[in-house]
Amino acid sequence: MALDVLCEVKNCVHNEGGEKCGATSIFIISETGKTASSQQETDCKTFEPIEA
C-alpha cells in the first residue's frame, strides 16, 4: 500500500503542503465504466491494467 498519496489540486481541503493528500481514503474512477484499458481512461496517474 502506498505510504504517500500525491495531489496536484491546490484548492482541495485534503491537500497538505501543496502536494500530499491527507484524506483517510481515496476514490479513483474510470472514465469508461467499471474497467479501463489504459491510464488515460482513468483519473489515476498510477493505473496499470491487470495482466491476463
Protein backbone atom coordinates (compact mmCIF):
# COMPACT_ATOMS: atom_id res chain seq x y z
CA MET A 1 0.00 0.00 0.00
CA ALA A 2 1.22 3.49 -0.78
CA LEU A 3 2.55 5.50 2.13
CA ASP A 4 2.26 8.83 0.35
CA VAL A 5 -0.59 9.89 -1.93
CA LEU A 6 0.32 12.88 -4.08
CA CYS A 7 -2.16 15.51 -5.26
CA GLU A 8 -1.80 18.41 -7.72
CA VAL A 9 -5.11 20.08 -6.78
CA LYS A 10 -4.02 23.09 -4.73
CA ASN A 11 -7.53 24.10 -3.57
CA CYS A 12 -8.56 20.70 -2.12
CA VAL A 13 -9.24 20.62 1.63
CA HIS A 14 -7.20 17.37 1.87
CA ASN A 15 -4.10 18.82 0.17
CA GLU A 16 -1.35 19.08 2.77
CA GLY A 17 1.72 21.14 1.99
CA GLY A 18 0.96 21.59 -1.69
CA GLU A 19 1.33 18.02 -2.98
CA LYS A 20 0.41 15.44 -0.32
CA CYS A 21 -3.15 14.14 0.17
CA GLY A 22 -4.28 13.78 3.78
CA ALA A 23 -7.67 12.13 3.09
CA THR A 24 -8.45 8.95 5.06
CA SER A 25 -9.48 7.14 1.86
CA ILE A 26 -9.03 7.63 -1.89
CA PHE A 27 -11.71 7.16 -4.59
CA ILE A 28 -10.46 6.63 -8.16
CA ILE A 29 -12.79 6.40 -11.14
CA SER A 30 -12.68 5.02 -14.66
CA GLU A 31 -13.99 7.31 -17.38
CA THR A 32 -15.24 4.24 -19.30
CA GLY A 33 -17.23 2.29 -16.68
CA LYS A 34 -16.01 -0.41 -14.30
CA THR A 35 -12.90 -1.33 -16.33
CA ALA A 36 -10.17 0.60 -18.12
CA SER A 37 -7.64 -0.35 -20.77
CA SER A 38 -5.14 2.44 -20.12
CA GLN A 39 -4.20 5.16 -17.65
CA GLN A 40 -5.78 7.73 -19.97
CA GLU A 41 -9.20 6.17 -19.28
CA THR A 42 -8.89 6.78 -15.53
CA ASP A 43 -8.38 9.64 -13.13
CA CYS A 44 -5.37 7.79 -11.70
CA LYS A 45 -1.82 8.59 -12.86
CA THR A 46 -0.52 5.30 -11.41
CA PHE A 47 -3.07 3.00 -13.09
CA GLU A 48 -1.67 -0.24 -14.52
CA PRO A 49 -4.01 -2.85 -16.05
CA ILE A 50 -4.09 -6.38 -14.61
CA GLU A 51 -2.18 -8.71 -16.91
CA ALA A 52 -4.29 -11.57 -18.25
